[in-house]
């Protein structure tokens, strides 16, 4: 198979290369527009060739809030070759998802109650309602694979995996008050990083047995790219806050390691999607320069991921016909 490179790197999906130049990343469809049909139209007409959305228009609305197969088809129809992939967190449990049971933390103190599944850990202090999980546990993996089955039924082209860097939580040694790279998991005898690599490979195999050209894009956890098997199992990677953290511009020494990791997947001919959240022009320009220098596909957007944001193709801002979308 011949790899094509036209303006950016390519994702290979079966025999048809996907050549992304821009992305949209919207996790709250109801905030993009209060009108569901308008939200579909905005995504359809966005001009982006990769669209990442939650599996539901309205998160927390149960199965009734899910995008229908017809809606996904309409969103895809707005641009030839477009791929629409579903966001899913594989490293944290979220108390607004259909799998969550109130008795897991009935008093909502952020700690699992007696009788909660053994994969459940304490709440993420930075994100209310999001609980760390032992992602290698079979019960948790079944929950996620069942969700991926639903995503396949909805007609998505792939998944965008969040909290891939969950291994870092378990690498922290509370006694030494420091992180330990490649720390061993006593449950599996492997490192926590190896556990995550195996978990993502399992997801990819599970989905591709049902849809051979299914796209798998992890977000963050760039350390895992040092493993050749991991690079082979994925189609691309998403990276947040690389050159900026909000409006703070990072120093070169602060991004050096991640850039070295990302160079591995670029050499493999697979794209890097860069998501930055700066709001002032200095921060945005730093993001654009970093994306241009390293050949990344940039999206500057809001931290809550409620808008289409500002795409950038390495030379200039892409035209965004819906940059002033309303929420009515």
C-alpha atoms as a PDB file:
ATOM      1  CA  UNK A   1       0.000   0.000   0.000  1.00  0.00           C
ATOM      2  CA  UNK A   2       1.285   3.451  -0.915  1.00  0.00           C
ATOM      3  CA  UNK A   3       1.053   6.218   1.650  1.00  0.00           C
ATOM      4  CA  UNK A   4      -0.086   9.580   0.334  1.00  0.00           C
ATOM      5  CA  UNK A   5       1.008  12.890   1.800  1.00  0.00           C
ATOM      6  CA  UNK A   6      -0.966  15.902   0.625  1.00  0.00           C
ATOM      7  CA  UNK A   7      -0.660  18.933   2.843  1.00  0.00           C
ATOM      8  CA  UNK A   8      -0.520  16.809   5.982  1.00  0.00           C
ATOM      9  CA  UNK A   9       0.027  13.295   7.172  1.00  0.00           C
ATOM     10  CA  UNK A  10      -2.366  10.483   6.399  1.00  0.00           C
ATOM     11  CA  UNK A  11      -4.456   8.059   8.399  1.00  0.00           C
ATOM     12  CA  UNK A  12      -4.771   4.714   6.657  1.00  0.00           C
ATOM     13  CA  UNK A  13      -8.288   3.325   6.953  1.00  0.00           C
ATOM     14  CA  UNK A  14      -8.431   0.069   4.990  1.00  0.00           C
ATOM     15  CA  UNK A  15      -7.336   0.755   1.422  1.00  0.00           C
ATOM     16  CA  UNK A  16      -8.455   4.388   1.500  1.00  0.00           C
ATOM     17  CA  UNK A  17      -6.051   6.866   3.099  1.00  0.00           C
ATOM     18  CA  UNK A  18      -7.661   9.584   5.194  1.00  0.00           C
ATOM     19  CA  UNK A  19      -5.724  12.812   4.765  1.00  0.00           C
ATOM     20  CA  UNK A  20      -6.774  15.175   7.571  1.00  0.00           C
ATOM     21  CA  UNK A  21      -6.130  18.884   7.364  1.00  0.00           C
ATOM     22  CA  UNK A  22      -8.387  20.097  10.160  1.00  0.00           C
ATOM     23  CA  UNK A  23     -10.540  18.931  13.041  1.00  0.00           C
ATOM     24  CA  UNK A  24     -13.521  19.865  15.161  1.00  0.00           C
ATOM     25  CA  UNK A  25     -13.715  18.715  18.778  1.00  0.00           C
ATOM     26  CA  UNK A  26     -17.106  19.272  20.403  1.00  0.00           C
ATOM     27  CA  UNK A  27     -18.145  17.369  23.517  1.00  0.00           C
ATOM     28  CA  UNK A  28     -21.276  19.330  24.398  1.00  0.00           C
ATOM     29  CA  UNK A  29     -23.501  19.316  21.369  1.00  0.00           C
ATOM     30  CA  UNK A  30     -26.304  20.996  23.288  1.00  0.00           C
ATOM     31  CA  UNK A  31     -23.970  23.949  23.903  1.00  0.00           C
ATOM     32  CA  UNK A  32     -22.981  24.165  20.234  1.00  0.00           C
ATOM     33  CA  UNK A  33     -26.677  24.745  19.577  1.00  0.00           C
ATOM     34  CA  UNK A  34     -29.765  24.281  21.744  1.00  0.00           C
ATOM     35  CA  UNK A  35     -31.480  23.048  18.596  1.00  0.00           C
ATOM     36  CA  UNK A  36     -30.368  19.491  17.797  1.00  0.00           C
ATOM     37  CA  UNK A  37     -30.943  19.819  14.041  1.00  0.00           C
ATOM     38  CA  UNK A  38     -28.961  23.070  14.043  1.00  0.00           C
ATOM     39  CA  UNK A  39     -26.094  21.325  15.861  1.00  0.00           C
ATOM     40  CA  UNK A  40     -26.050  18.630  13.169  1.00  0.00           C
ATOM     41  CA  UNK A  41     -26.036  21.305  10.466  1.00  0.00           C
ATOM     42  CA  UNK A  42     -23.202  23.227  12.117  1.00  0.00           C
ATOM     43  CA  UNK A  43     -21.059  20.119  12.311  1.00  0.00           C
ATOM     44  CA  UNK A  44     -21.994  19.086   8.773  1.00  0.00           C
ATOM     45  CA  UNK A  45     -21.075  22.491   7.345  1.00  0.00           C
ATOM     46  CA  UNK A  46     -17.971  23.069   9.495  1.00  0.00           C
ATOM     47  CA  UNK A  47     -15.484  22.282   6.727  1.00  0.00           C
ATOM     48  CA  UNK A  48     -13.440  19.971   9.007  1.00  0.00           C
ATOM     49  CA  UNK A  49     -12.398  16.540   7.793  1.00  0.00           C
ATOM     50  CA  UNK A  50     -12.076  14.999  11.270  1.00  0.00           C
ATOM     51  CA  UNK A  51     -14.934  15.577  13.692  1.00  0.00           C
ATOM     52  CA  UNK A  52     -14.672  14.384  17.295  1.00  0.00           C
ATOM     53  CA  UNK A  53     -17.950  14.433  19.204  1.00  0.00           C
ATOM     54  CA  UNK A  54     -19.381  12.738  22.247  1.00  0.00           C
ATOM     55  CA  UNK A  55     -21.544   9.725  21.417  1.00  0.00           C
ATOM     56  CA  UNK A  56     -24.499  11.764  22.696  1.00  0.00           C
ATOM     57  CA  UNK A  57     -25.869  15.143  21.674  1.00  0.00           C
ATOM     58  CA  UNK A  58     -26.802  15.739  25.299  1.00  0.00           C
ATOM     59  CA  UNK A  59     -24.437  14.052  27.743  1.00  0.00           C
ATOM     60  CA  UNK A  60     -26.262  12.497  30.669  1.00  0.00           C
ATOM     61  CA  UNK A  61     -29.535  12.078  28.786  1.00  0.00           C
ATOM     62  CA  UNK A  62     -29.151   8.298  28.578  1.00  0.00           C
ATOM     63  CA  UNK A  63     -29.561   6.339  25.374  1.00  0.00           C
ATOM     64  CA  UNK A  64     -32.185   8.819  24.225  1.00  0.00           C
ATOM     65  CA  UNK A  65     -29.508  11.492  23.972  1.00  0.00           C
ATOM     66  CA  UNK A  66     -27.335   9.515  21.563  1.00  0.00           C
ATOM     67  CA  UNK A  67     -26.712  10.692  18.042  1.00  0.00           C
ATOM     68  CA  UNK A  68     -28.661   8.530  15.620  1.00  0.00           C
ATOM     69  CA  UNK A  69     -27.081   6.674  12.728  1.00  0.00           C
ATOM     70  CA  UNK A  70     -28.870   9.073  10.380  1.00  0.00           C
ATOM     71  CA  UNK A  71     -27.446  12.113  12.190  1.00  0.00           C
ATOM     72  CA  UNK A  72     -23.907  10.730  12.005  1.00  0.00           C
ATOM     73  CA  UNK A  73     -24.433  10.058   8.300  1.00  0.00           C
ATOM     74  CA  UNK A  74     -25.620  13.642   7.760  1.00  0.00           C
ATOM     75  CA  UNK A  75     -22.670  15.097   9.678  1.00  0.00           C
ATOM     76  CA  UNK A  76     -20.306  12.995   7.561  1.00  0.00           C
ATOM     77  CA  UNK A  77     -22.014  14.060   4.322  1.00  0.00           C
ATOM     78  CA  UNK A  78     -20.810  17.657   4.526  1.00  0.00           C
ATOM     79  CA  UNK A  79     -17.311  16.883   3.231  1.00  0.00           C
ATOM     80  CA  UNK A  80     -16.010  14.111   1.038  1.00  0.00           C
ATOM     81  CA  UNK A  81     -13.774  11.714   2.975  1.00  0.00           C
ATOM     82  CA  UNK A  82     -14.748  13.141   6.362  1.00  0.00           C
ATOM     83  CA  UNK A  83     -14.468  10.879   9.413  1.00  0.00           C
ATOM     84  CA  UNK A  84     -16.682  11.236  12.472  1.00  0.00           C
ATOM     85  CA  UNK A  85     -15.310   9.642  15.638  1.00  0.00           C
ATOM     86  CA  UNK A  86     -16.762   9.260  19.117  1.00  0.00           C
ATOM     87  CA  UNK A  87     -15.103  10.538  22.276  1.00  0.00           C
ATOM     88  CA  UNK A  88     -14.806   8.046  25.121  1.00  0.00           C
ATOM     89  CA  UNK A  89     -12.899   8.159  28.402  1.00  0.00           C
ATOM     90  CA  UNK A  90     -11.110   4.858  29.015  1.00  0.00           C
ATOM     91  CA  UNK A  91      -9.157   5.844  32.127  1.00  0.00           C
ATOM     92  CA  UNK A  92     -11.854   7.389  34.306  1.00  0.00           C
ATOM     93  CA  UNK A  93     -15.458   6.539  35.168  1.00  0.00           C
ATOM     94  CA  UNK A  94     -17.936   9.394  34.792  1.00  0.00           C
ATOM     95  CA  UNK A  95     -20.971   9.597  37.060  1.00  0.00           C
ATOM     96  CA  UNK A  96     -23.170  11.022  34.271  1.00  0.00           C
ATOM     97  CA  UNK A  97     -22.792   7.969  31.989  1.00  0.00           C
ATOM     98  CA  UNK A  98     -25.381   5.210  31.590  1.00  0.00           C
ATOM     99  CA  UNK A  99     -23.138   2.606  33.234  1.00  0.00           C
ATOM    100  CA  UNK A 100     -22.822   4.578  36.493  1.00  0.00           C
ATOM    101  CA  UNK A 101     -24.701   3.324  39.550  1.00  0.00           C
ATOM    102  CA  UNK A 102     -25.562   5.785  42.336  1.00  0.00           C
ATOM    103  CA  UNK A 103     -24.593   3.293  45.037  1.00  0.00           C
ATOM    104  CA  UNK A 104     -20.977   3.420  43.878  1.00  0.00           C
ATOM    105  CA  UNK A 105     -20.686   6.747  45.728  1.00  0.00           C
ATOM    106  CA  UNK A 106     -24.104   7.388  47.257  1.00  0.00           C
ATOM    107  CA  UNK A 107     -22.939  10.171  49.590  1.00  0.00           C
ATOM    108  CA  UNK A 108     -20.883  11.805  46.820  1.00  0.00           C
ATOM    109  CA  UNK A 109     -17.799  12.241  48.961  1.00  0.00           C
ATOM    110  CA  UNK A 110     -15.499  11.283  46.090  1.00  0.00           C
ATOM    111  CA  UNK A 111     -14.639   7.889  47.573  1.00  0.00           C
ATOM    112  CA  UNK A 112     -16.128   4.565  46.444  1.00  0.00           C
ATOM    113  CA  UNK A 113     -18.702   3.156  48.858  1.00  0.00           C
ATOM    114  CA  UNK A 114     -18.771  -0.400  50.136  1.00  0.00           C
ATOM    115  CA  UNK A 115     -19.984  -2.610  47.341  1.00  0.00           C
ATOM    116  CA  UNK A 116     -18.571  -0.404  44.575  1.00  0.00           C
ATOM    117  CA  UNK A 117     -16.669  -2.361  41.902  1.00  0.00           C
ATOM    118  CA  UNK A 118     -13.022  -2.980  42.704  1.00  0.00           C
ATOM    119  CA  UNK A 119     -11.918  -1.068  39.615  1.00  0.00           C
ATOM    120  CA  UNK A 120     -13.242   2.229  41.030  1.00  0.00           C
ATOM    121  CA  UNK A 121     -10.838   4.657  42.743  1.00  0.00           C
ATOM    122  CA  UNK A 122     -11.232   8.146  44.176  1.00  0.00           C
ATOM    123  CA  UNK A 123     -12.613  11.113  42.277  1.00  0.00           C
ATOM    124  CA  UNK A 124     -10.377  13.294  40.129  1.00  0.00           C
ATOM    125  CA  UNK A 125     -10.096  16.510  42.197  1.00  0.00           C
ATOM    126  CA  UNK A 126      -9.849  18.580  39.011  1.00  0.00           C
ATOM    127  CA  UNK A 127     -13.003  17.182  37.361  1.00  0.00           C
ATOM    128  CA  UNK A 128     -16.115  16.691  39.478  1.00  0.00           C
ATOM    129  CA  UNK A 129     -17.848  13.400  38.795  1.00  0.00           C
ATOM    130  CA  UNK A 130     -14.836  11.763  37.170  1.00  0.00           C
ATOM    131  CA  UNK A 131     -13.357   8.844  39.111  1.00  0.00           C
ATOM    132  CA  UNK A 132     -10.004   7.190  38.520  1.00  0.00           C
ATOM    133  CA  UNK A 133     -10.248   3.520  37.556  1.00  0.00           C
ATOM    134  CA  UNK A 134      -7.999   0.488  37.490  1.00  0.00           C
ATOM    135  CA  UNK A 135      -8.285   0.325  33.735  1.00  0.00           C
ATOM    136  CA  UNK A 136      -6.770  -3.158  33.479  1.00  0.00           C
ATOM    137  CA  UNK A 137      -9.642  -4.739  35.406  1.00  0.00           C
ATOM    138  CA  UNK A 138     -11.914  -6.967  33.248  1.00  0.00           C
ATOM    139  CA  UNK A 139     -15.149  -5.501  34.686  1.00  0.00           C
ATOM    140  CA  UNK A 140     -14.158  -1.979  33.651  1.00  0.00           C
ATOM    141  CA  UNK A 141     -12.987  -3.142  30.243  1.00  0.00           C
ATOM    142  CA  UNK A 142     -16.316  -4.848  29.610  1.00  0.00           C
ATOM    143  CA  UNK A 143     -18.140  -1.588  30.365  1.00  0.00           C
ATOM    144  CA  UNK A 144     -16.042   0.253  27.799  1.00  0.00           C
ATOM    145  CA  UNK A 145     -16.218  -2.470  25.147  1.00  0.00           C
ATOM    146  CA  UNK A 146     -19.997  -2.541  25.523  1.00  0.00           C
ATOM    147  CA  UNK A 147     -19.990   1.220  24.921  1.00  0.00           C
ATOM    148  CA  UNK A 148     -17.808   0.784  21.833  1.00  0.00           C
ATOM    149  CA  UNK A 149     -20.351  -1.731  20.528  1.00  0.00           C
ATOM    150  CA  UNK A 150     -22.999   0.984  20.836  1.00  0.00           C
ATOM    151  CA  UNK A 151     -20.690   3.468  19.103  1.00  0.00           C
ATOM    152  CA  UNK A 152     -20.265   1.037  16.221  1.00  0.00           C
ATOM    153  CA  UNK A 153     -24.037   0.613  15.973  1.00  0.00           C
ATOM    154  CA  UNK A 154     -24.411   4.401  15.791  1.00  0.00           C
ATOM    155  CA  UNK A 155     -22.238   4.420  12.670  1.00  0.00           C
ATOM    156  CA  UNK A 156     -19.138   6.216  13.928  1.00  0.00           C
ATOM    157  CA  UNK A 157     -15.888   5.790  11.996  1.00  0.00           C
ATOM    158  CA  UNK A 158     -13.751   5.395  15.098  1.00  0.00           C
ATOM    159  CA  UNK A 159     -13.048   6.473  18.650  1.00  0.00           C
ATOM    160  CA  UNK A 160     -11.082   9.251  20.299  1.00  0.00           C
ATOM    161  CA  UNK A 161      -9.740   7.838  23.572  1.00  0.00           C
ATOM    162  CA  UNK A 162      -9.319  10.170  26.539  1.00  0.00           C
ATOM    163  CA  UNK A 163      -7.494   9.706  29.865  1.00  0.00           C
ATOM    164  CA  UNK A 164      -4.928   7.493  28.164  1.00  0.00           C
ATOM    165  CA  UNK A 165      -2.407   9.064  30.537  1.00  0.00           C
ATOM    166  CA  UNK A 166      -4.230   7.478  33.497  1.00  0.00           C
ATOM    167  CA  UNK A 167      -1.110   5.390  34.067  1.00  0.00           C
ATOM    168  CA  UNK A 168       0.554   8.497  35.510  1.00  0.00           C
ATOM    169  CA  UNK A 169      -1.867   8.444  38.459  1.00  0.00           C
ATOM    170  CA  UNK A 170      -0.634   4.968  39.421  1.00  0.00           C
ATOM    171  CA  UNK A 171       3.014   5.814  38.829  1.00  0.00           C
ATOM    172  CA  UNK A 172       2.978   8.317  41.684  1.00  0.00           C
ATOM    173  CA  UNK A 173       4.644   6.933  44.799  1.00  0.00           C
ATOM    174  CA  UNK A 174       2.889   8.546  47.759  1.00  0.00           C
ATOM    175  CA  UNK A 175       5.635   7.503  50.174  1.00  0.00           C
ATOM    176  CA  UNK A 176       8.449   8.958  48.087  1.00  0.00           C
ATOM    177  CA  UNK A 177       6.218  11.784  46.846  1.00  0.00           C
ATOM    178  CA  UNK A 178       7.498  11.328  43.320  1.00  0.00           C
ATOM    179  CA  UNK A 179       6.568   9.704  40.037  1.00  0.00           C
ATOM    180  CA  UNK A 180       8.255   6.481  38.959  1.00  0.00           C
ATOM    181  CA  UNK A 181       8.394   5.783  35.245  1.00  0.00           C
ATOM    182  CA  UNK A 182       7.505   2.203  34.337  1.00  0.00           C
ATOM    183  CA  UNK A 183       6.257   1.417  37.814  1.00  0.00           C
ATOM    184  CA  UNK A 184       4.976  -2.157  38.118  1.00  0.00           C
ATOM    185  CA  UNK A 185       1.320  -3.019  38.612  1.00  0.00           C
ATOM    186  CA  UNK A 186       1.113  -5.756  41.283  1.00  0.00           C
ATOM    187  CA  UNK A 187      -2.178  -6.969  39.782  1.00  0.00           C
ATOM    188  CA  UNK A 188      -0.672  -7.815  36.392  1.00  0.00           C
ATOM    189  CA  UNK A 189       3.092  -7.986  36.889  1.00  0.00           C
ATOM    190  CA  UNK A 190       3.495  -5.519  34.030  1.00  0.00           C
ATOM    191  CA  UNK A 191       4.071  -1.787  34.156  1.00  0.00           C
ATOM    192  CA  UNK A 192       1.098   0.537  34.281  1.00  0.00           C
ATOM    193  CA  UNK A 193       2.177   1.807  30.853  1.00  0.00           C
ATOM    194  CA  UNK A 194       2.194  -1.706  29.444  1.00  0.00           C
ATOM    195  CA  UNK A 195      -1.273  -2.218  30.906  1.00  0.00           C
ATOM    196  CA  UNK A 196      -2.535   0.862  29.038  1.00  0.00           C
ATOM    197  CA  UNK A 197      -0.879  -0.197  25.789  1.00  0.00           C
ATOM    198  CA  UNK A 198      -2.514  -3.622  26.094  1.00  0.00           C
ATOM    199  CA  UNK A 199      -5.871  -2.005  26.884  1.00  0.00           C
ATOM    200  CA  UNK A 200      -5.800   0.197  23.784  1.00  0.00           C
ATOM    201  CA  UNK A 201      -4.708  -2.725  21.611  1.00  0.00           C
ATOM    202  CA  UNK A 202      -7.666  -4.703  22.975  1.00  0.00           C
ATOM    203  CA  UNK A 203     -10.025  -1.860  22.068  1.00  0.00           C
ATOM    204  CA  UNK A 204      -8.560  -1.621  18.565  1.00  0.00           C
ATOM    205  CA  UNK A 205      -8.787  -5.375  17.970  1.00  0.00           C
ATOM    206  CA  UNK A 206     -12.334  -5.542  19.332  1.00  0.00           C
ATOM    207  CA  UNK A 207     -13.567  -2.727  17.081  1.00  0.00           C
ATOM    208  CA  UNK A 208     -11.677  -3.755  13.943  1.00  0.00           C
ATOM    209  CA  UNK A 209     -13.050  -7.273  14.120  1.00  0.00           C
ATOM    210  CA  UNK A 210     -16.410  -5.605  13.546  1.00  0.00           C
ATOM    211  CA  UNK A 211     -15.296  -2.722  11.279  1.00  0.00           C
ATOM    212  CA  UNK A 212     -11.900  -3.321   9.718  1.00  0.00           C
ATOM    213  CA  UNK A 213     -11.078   0.333   8.996  1.00  0.00           C
ATOM    214  CA  UNK A 214     -12.116   1.575  12.462  1.00  0.00           C
ATOM    215  CA  UNK A 215      -9.998   4.571  13.527  1.00  0.00           C
ATOM    216  CA  UNK A 216      -8.381   4.667  16.982  1.00  0.00           C
ATOM    217  CA  UNK A 217      -6.932   7.978  18.219  1.00  0.00           C
ATOM    218  CA  UNK A 218      -5.606   8.252  21.791  1.00  0.00           C
ATOM    219  CA  UNK A 219      -5.305  11.647  23.462  1.00  0.00           C
ATOM    220  CA  UNK A 220      -2.141  12.470  25.446  1.00  0.00           C
ATOM    221  CA  UNK A 221       0.089   9.790  27.009  1.00  0.00           C
ATOM    222  CA  UNK A 222       2.795  10.481  24.425  1.00  0.00           C
ATOM    223  CA  UNK A 223       5.286   8.409  26.476  1.00  0.00           C
ATOM    224  CA  UNK A 224       3.573   5.297  25.119  1.00  0.00           C
ATOM    225  CA  UNK A 225       4.751   6.128  21.603  1.00  0.00           C
ATOM    226  CA  UNK A 226       8.141   4.667  22.506  1.00  0.00           C
ATOM    227  CA  UNK A 227       6.493   1.259  22.144  1.00  0.00           C
ATOM    228  CA  UNK A 228       6.413   0.213  18.442  1.00  0.00           C
ATOM    229  CA  UNK A 229       3.385  -2.002  18.987  1.00  0.00           C
ATOM    230  CA  UNK A 230       1.425   0.929  20.364  1.00  0.00           C
ATOM    231  CA  UNK A 231       2.262   3.103  17.355  1.00  0.00           C
ATOM    232  CA  UNK A 232       1.178   0.303  15.051  1.00  0.00           C
ATOM    233  CA  UNK A 233      -2.188  -0.152  16.803  1.00  0.00           C
ATOM    234  CA  UNK A 234      -3.306   3.497  16.500  1.00  0.00           C
ATOM    235  CA  UNK A 235      -4.086   5.800  13.578  1.00  0.00           C
ATOM    236  CA  UNK A 236      -3.023   9.138  15.063  1.00  0.00           C
ATOM    237  CA  UNK A 237      -2.627  10.887  18.396  1.00  0.00           C
ATOM    238  CA  UNK A 238      -4.192  13.983  19.943  1.00  0.00           C
ATOM    239  CA  UNK A 239      -2.123  16.206  22.245  1.00  0.00           C
ATOM    240  CA  UNK A 240      -3.418  18.976  24.483  1.00  0.00           C
ATOM    241  CA  UNK A 241      -1.596  21.993  25.924  1.00  0.00           C
ATOM    242  CA  UNK A 242       1.711  21.309  24.218  1.00  0.00           C
ATOM    243  CA  UNK A 243       3.016  24.779  23.433  1.00  0.00           C
ATOM    244  CA  UNK A 244       0.697  26.704  25.728  1.00  0.00           C
ATOM    245  CA  UNK A 245      -1.260  26.155  28.908  1.00  0.00           C
ATOM    246  CA  UNK A 246      -4.153  28.515  28.500  1.00  0.00           C
ATOM    247  CA  UNK A 247      -2.456  31.830  27.780  1.00  0.00           C
ATOM    248  CA  UNK A 248       0.852  30.781  29.337  1.00  0.00           C
ATOM    249  CA  UNK A 249       3.478  29.999  26.706  1.00  0.00           C
ATOM    250  CA  UNK A 250       5.600  27.015  27.636  1.00  0.00           C
ATOM    251  CA  UNK A 251       9.395  27.133  27.620  1.00  0.00           C
ATOM    252  CA  UNK A 252      11.239  24.930  25.080  1.00  0.00           C
ATOM    253  CA  UNK A 253      12.648  22.701  27.822  1.00  0.00           C
ATOM    254  CA  UNK A 254       9.101  22.003  29.036  1.00  0.00           C
ATOM    255  CA  UNK A 255       8.005  20.513  25.708  1.00  0.00           C
ATOM    256  CA  UNK A 256      11.213  18.768  24.664  1.00  0.00           C
ATOM    257  CA  UNK A 257      10.310  15.270  25.868  1.00  0.00           C
ATOM    258  CA  UNK A 258       6.844  15.266  24.367  1.00  0.00           C
ATOM    259  CA  UNK A 259       8.147  16.526  21.043  1.00  0.00           C
ATOM    260  CA  UNK A 260      10.665  13.683  20.983  1.00  0.00           C
ATOM    261  CA  UNK A 261       7.850  11.197  21.598  1.00  0.00           C
ATOM    262  CA  UNK A 262       5.678  12.762  18.908  1.00  0.00           C
ATOM    263  CA  UNK A 263       8.488  12.571  16.370  1.00  0.00           C
ATOM    264  CA  UNK A 264       8.133   8.779  16.556  1.00  0.00           C
ATOM    265  CA  UNK A 265       4.557   8.712  15.309  1.00  0.00           C
ATOM    266  CA  UNK A 266       5.340  11.308  12.647  1.00  0.00           C
ATOM    267  CA  UNK A 267       8.113   9.056  11.329  1.00  0.00           C
ATOM    268  CA  UNK A 268       5.514   6.292  11.140  1.00  0.00           C
ATOM    269  CA  UNK A 269       3.462   8.488   8.784  1.00  0.00           C
ATOM    270  CA  UNK A 270       0.652   9.148  11.223  1.00  0.00           C
ATOM    271  CA  UNK A 271      -0.802  12.547  12.184  1.00  0.00           C
ATOM    272  CA  UNK A 272      -0.580  14.554  15.375  1.00  0.00           C
ATOM    273  CA  UNK A 273      -3.666  16.594  16.273  1.00  0.00           C
ATOM    274  CA  UNK A 274      -2.725  19.511  18.498  1.00  0.00           C
ATOM    275  CA  UNK A 275      -5.442  20.985  20.726  1.00  0.00           C
ATOM    276  CA  UNK A 276      -4.588  24.292  22.400  1.00  0.00           C
ATOM    277  CA  UNK A 277      -6.765  26.552  24.559  1.00  0.00           C
ATOM    278  CA  UNK A 278      -5.163  29.990  24.417  1.00  0.00           C
ATOM    279  CA  UNK A 279      -7.438  33.011  24.124  1.00  0.00           C
ATOM    280  CA  UNK A 280      -5.041  35.904  23.544  1.00  0.00           C
ATOM    281  CA  UNK A 281      -3.165  36.497  20.313  1.00  0.00           C
ATOM    282  CA  UNK A 282       0.310  35.842  21.769  1.00  0.00           C
ATOM    283  CA  UNK A 283      -0.699  32.374  22.938  1.00  0.00           C
ATOM    284  CA  UNK A 284      -2.461  31.607  19.670  1.00  0.00           C
ATOM    285  CA  UNK A 285       0.568  32.659  17.675  1.00  0.00           C
ATOM    286  CA  UNK A 286       2.810  30.420  19.786  1.00  0.00           C
ATOM    287  CA  UNK A 287       0.472  27.513  19.049  1.00  0.00           C
ATOM    288  CA  UNK A 288       0.473  28.281  15.321  1.00  0.00           C
ATOM    289  CA  UNK A 289       4.251  28.550  15.175  1.00  0.00           C
ATOM    290  CA  UNK A 290       4.692  25.284  17.064  1.00  0.00           C
ATOM    291  CA  UNK A 291       2.230  23.501  14.787  1.00  0.00           C
ATOM    292  CA  UNK A 292       3.946  24.868  11.672  1.00  0.00           C
ATOM    293  CA  UNK A 293       7.447  23.997  12.881  1.00  0.00           C
ATOM    294  CA  UNK A 294       6.516  20.404  13.646  1.00  0.00           C
ATOM    295  CA  UNK A 295       3.844  19.645  11.071  1.00  0.00           C
ATOM    296  CA  UNK A 296       0.946  19.231  13.509  1.00  0.00           C
ATOM    297  CA  UNK A 297      -2.751  19.737  12.728  1.00  0.00           C
ATOM    298  CA  UNK A 298      -3.877  22.514  15.061  1.00  0.00           C
ATOM    299  CA  UNK A 299      -7.193  23.350  16.682  1.00  0.00           C
ATOM    300  CA  UNK A 300      -7.451  26.307  19.055  1.00  0.00           C
ATOM    301  CA  UNK A 301     -10.687  25.970  20.996  1.00  0.00           C
ATOM    302  CA  UNK A 302     -12.430  26.515  24.321  1.00  0.00           C
ATOM    303  CA  UNK A 303     -11.516  24.334  27.301  1.00  0.00           C
ATOM    304  CA  UNK A 304     -15.088  23.057  27.737  1.00  0.00           C
ATOM    305  CA  UNK A 305     -15.172  21.997  24.062  1.00  0.00           C
ATOM    306  CA  UNK A 306     -18.508  23.611  23.296  1.00  0.00           C
ATOM    307  CA  UNK A 307     -17.591  25.379  20.027  1.00  0.00           C
ATOM    308  CA  UNK A 308     -16.053  24.598  16.655  1.00  0.00           C
ATOM    309  CA  UNK A 309     -12.940  26.545  17.600  1.00  0.00           C
ATOM    310  CA  UNK A 310     -10.294  27.850  15.207  1.00  0.00           C
ATOM    311  CA  UNK A 311      -8.651  25.305  12.877  1.00  0.00           C
ATOM    312  CA  UNK A 312      -5.266  25.962  11.313  1.00  0.00           C
ATOM    313  CA  UNK A 313      -3.679  24.111   8.414  1.00  0.00           C
ATOM    314  CA  UNK A 314      -0.037  25.089   8.840  1.00  0.00           C
ATOM    315  CA  UNK A 315      -0.129  28.137   6.613  1.00  0.00           C
ATOM    316  CA  UNK A 316      -3.136  30.237   7.578  1.00  0.00           C
ATOM    317  CA  UNK A 317      -6.425  30.049   9.387  1.00  0.00           C
ATOM    318  CA  UNK A 318      -8.907  27.811   7.604  1.00  0.00           C
ATOM    319  CA  UNK A 319     -12.167  29.449   6.688  1.00  0.00           C
ATOM    320  CA  UNK A 320     -14.854  28.541   9.197  1.00  0.00           C
ATOM    321  CA  UNK A 321     -18.364  29.177   7.829  1.00  0.00           C
ATOM    322  CA  UNK A 322     -19.863  28.674  11.289  1.00  0.00           C
ATOM    323  CA  UNK A 323     -17.378  30.575  13.438  1.00  0.00           C
ATOM    324  CA  UNK A 324     -20.232  32.627  14.880  1.00  0.00           C
ATOM    325  CA  UNK A 325     -22.573  29.716  15.632  1.00  0.00           C
ATOM    326  CA  UNK A 326     -25.348  30.559  18.013  1.00  0.00           C
ATOM    327  CA  UNK A 327     -26.641  28.454  20.881  1.00  0.00           C
ATOM    328  CA  UNK A 328     -30.347  28.977  20.376  1.00  0.00           C
END
